[in-house]
C-alpha atoms as a PDB file:
ATOM      1  CA  MET A   1       0.007   0.012   0.003  1.00  0.00           C
ATOM      2  CA  CYS A   2       1.040   3.649  -0.599  1.00  0.00           C
ATOM      3  CA  LEU A   3       0.451   5.764   2.426  1.00  0.00           C
ATOM      4  CA  SER A   4       1.164   9.321   3.431  1.00  0.00           C
ATOM      5  CA  VAL A   5       4.290   9.742   5.458  1.00  0.00           C
ATOM      6  CA  ASN A   6       2.421  10.338   8.747  1.00  0.00           C
ATOM      7  CA  ASP A   7      -0.160   7.586   8.165  1.00  0.00           C
ATOM      8  CA  LEU A   8       2.435   4.698   8.560  1.00  0.00           C
ATOM      9  CA  ILE A   9       3.731   3.972  12.055  1.00  0.00           C
ATOM     10  CA  ILE A  10       7.215   2.452  11.676  1.00  0.00           C
ATOM     11  CA  GLY A  11       7.912  -0.091  14.421  1.00  0.00           C
ATOM     12  CA  LYS A  12      10.904  -2.164  15.478  1.00  0.00           C
ATOM     13  CA  SER A  13       9.872  -5.033  13.251  1.00  0.00           C
ATOM     14  CA  ASP A  14       9.863  -2.820  10.088  1.00  0.00           C
ATOM     15  CA  THR A  15      12.769  -2.193   7.846  1.00  0.00           C
ATOM     16  CA  LEU A  16      13.494   0.226   5.045  1.00  0.00           C
ATOM     17  CA  LEU A  17      14.299  -1.744   1.882  1.00  0.00           C
ATOM     18  CA  GLY A  18      14.755   1.292  -0.302  1.00  0.00           C
ATOM     19  CA  GLU A  19      12.967   4.005  -2.159  1.00  0.00           C
ATOM     20  CA  ILE A  20      10.604   4.066  -5.140  1.00  0.00           C
ATOM     21  CA  HIS A  21      10.577   7.421  -6.878  1.00  0.00           C
ATOM     22  CA  GLY A  22      11.717   9.168  -3.670  1.00  0.00           C
ATOM     23  CA  CYS A  23       9.121   7.309  -1.513  1.00  0.00           C
ATOM     24  CA  LYS A  24      10.409   5.082   1.279  1.00  0.00           C
ATOM     25  CA  PHE A  25       9.494   1.404   0.945  1.00  0.00           C
ATOM     26  CA  TYR A  26       9.235  -0.638   4.133  1.00  0.00           C
ATOM     27  CA  ILE A  27       8.649  -4.379   4.790  1.00  0.00           C
ATOM     28  CA  SER A  28       7.777  -6.084   8.045  1.00  0.00           C
ATOM     29  CA  LYS A  29      10.280  -8.488   9.602  1.00  0.00           C
ATOM     30  CA  ASP A  30       7.851 -11.432   9.044  1.00  0.00           C
ATOM     31  CA  GLN A  31       7.383 -10.551   5.344  1.00  0.00           C
ATOM     32  CA  PHE A  32      11.087 -10.120   4.916  1.00  0.00           C
ATOM     33  CA  GLN A  33      11.677 -13.679   6.313  1.00  0.00           C
ATOM     34  CA  ARG A  34       9.407 -15.080   3.609  1.00  0.00           C
ATOM     35  CA  TRP A  35      10.745 -12.944   0.777  1.00  0.00           C
ATOM     36  CA  LYS A  36      14.423 -12.524   1.685  1.00  0.00           C
ATOM     37  CA  ASN A  37      15.690 -14.735  -1.205  1.00  0.00           C
ATOM     38  CA  THR A  38      13.451 -12.962  -3.691  1.00  0.00           C
ATOM     39  CA  HIS A  39      13.940 -10.010  -5.958  1.00  0.00           C
ATOM     40  CA  LEU A  40      10.710  -7.863  -5.829  1.00  0.00           C
ATOM     41  CA  THR A  41       9.689  -5.545  -8.584  1.00  0.00           C
ATOM     42  CA  ILE A  42       6.826  -3.126  -7.718  1.00  0.00           C
ATOM     43  CA  ASP A  43       4.857  -2.085 -10.833  1.00  0.00           C
ATOM     44  CA  VAL A  44       1.742  -0.187 -11.597  1.00  0.00           C
ATOM     45  CA  THR A  45      -1.227  -1.344 -13.736  1.00  0.00           C
ATOM     46  CA  ASP A  46      -4.656  -0.014 -14.609  1.00  0.00           C
ATOM     47  CA  GLY A  47      -7.408  -1.053 -12.216  1.00  0.00           C
ATOM     48  CA  ARG A  48      -8.542  -0.586  -8.738  1.00  0.00           C
ATOM     49  CA  GLY A  49      -6.930  -2.197  -5.734  1.00  0.00           C
ATOM     50  CA  ALA A  50      -8.823  -3.357  -2.645  1.00  0.00           C
ATOM     51  CA  SER A  51      -7.286  -1.097  -0.030  1.00  0.00           C
ATOM     52  CA  PHE A  52      -6.924   2.469   1.307  1.00  0.00           C
ATOM     53  CA  SER A  53      -3.826   3.085  -0.742  1.00  0.00           C
ATOM     54  CA  LEU A  54      -3.229   6.500  -2.218  1.00  0.00           C
ATOM     55  CA  GLU A  55      -3.257   5.359  -5.780  1.00  0.00           C
ATOM     56  CA  ILE A  56      -6.921   4.285  -5.736  1.00  0.00           C
ATOM     57  CA  PRO A  57      -8.341   7.615  -6.991  1.00  0.00           C
ATOM     58  CA  LEU A  58      -5.922   7.529  -9.953  1.00  0.00           C
ATOM     59  CA  GLY A  59      -7.481   4.349 -11.318  1.00  0.00           C
ATOM     60  CA  VAL A  60      -4.327   2.314 -10.957  1.00  0.00           C
ATOM     61  CA  ARG A  61      -2.989  -0.332  -8.545  1.00  0.00           C
ATOM     62  CA  PHE A  62       0.347  -1.656  -7.442  1.00  0.00           C
ATOM     63  CA  ILE A  63       1.457  -5.168  -8.411  1.00  0.00           C
ATOM     64  CA  THR A  64       4.499  -7.102  -7.166  1.00  0.00           C
ATOM     65  CA  LYS A  65       6.470  -9.190  -9.503  1.00  0.00           C
ATOM     66  CA  SER A  66       9.040 -11.634  -7.964  1.00  0.00           C
ATOM     67  CA  ARG A  67      11.798 -14.035  -8.836  1.00  0.00           C
ATOM     68  CA  LEU A  68      14.431 -15.836  -6.824  1.00  0.00           C
ATOM     69  CA  PHE A  69      17.806 -14.177  -6.595  1.00  0.00           C
ATOM     70  CA  THR A  70      20.673 -15.855  -8.420  1.00  0.00           C
ATOM     71  CA  GLU A  71      23.574 -17.249  -6.414  1.00  0.00           C
ATOM     72  CA  LYS A  72      25.650 -14.167  -7.432  1.00  0.00           C
ATOM     73  CA  GLU A  73      22.959 -11.739  -6.446  1.00  0.00           C
ATOM     74  CA  LEU A  74      22.584 -13.434  -3.027  1.00  0.00           C
ATOM     75  CA  ALA A  75      26.358 -13.090  -2.370  1.00  0.00           C
ATOM     76  CA  ASP A  76      26.262  -9.426  -3.309  1.00  0.00           C
ATOM     77  CA  LEU A  77      23.358  -8.495  -0.975  1.00  0.00           C
ATOM     78  CA  ARG A  78      24.092  -6.195   1.938  1.00  0.00           C
ATOM     79  CA  PRO A  79      22.843  -7.185   5.386  1.00  0.00           C
ATOM     80  CA  VAL A  80      19.372  -5.968   6.394  1.00  0.00           C
ATOM     81  CA  GLU A  81      18.952  -4.340   9.831  1.00  0.00           C
ATOM     82  CA  PHE A  82      15.577  -4.092  11.541  1.00  0.00           C
ATOM     83  CA  GLY A  83      14.329  -1.435  13.874  1.00  0.00           C
END
């Protein structure tokens, strides 16, 4: 979901994975454990999502595409710190 900065309360179990067009992208520790070996691509498509995400009025929704990291990519990853 895409939320306004003040609408997301960041906790000790959340981590910043990076930024998408200048917007910070967080994932929970539980989600990270499930997806840690996966390259995630966040994309946009026409349609309406089922959430309170900020893109709803624009007539688009986010989709996540995934694939497993290669062995080389896994070796090159930096450690992730939570909280």
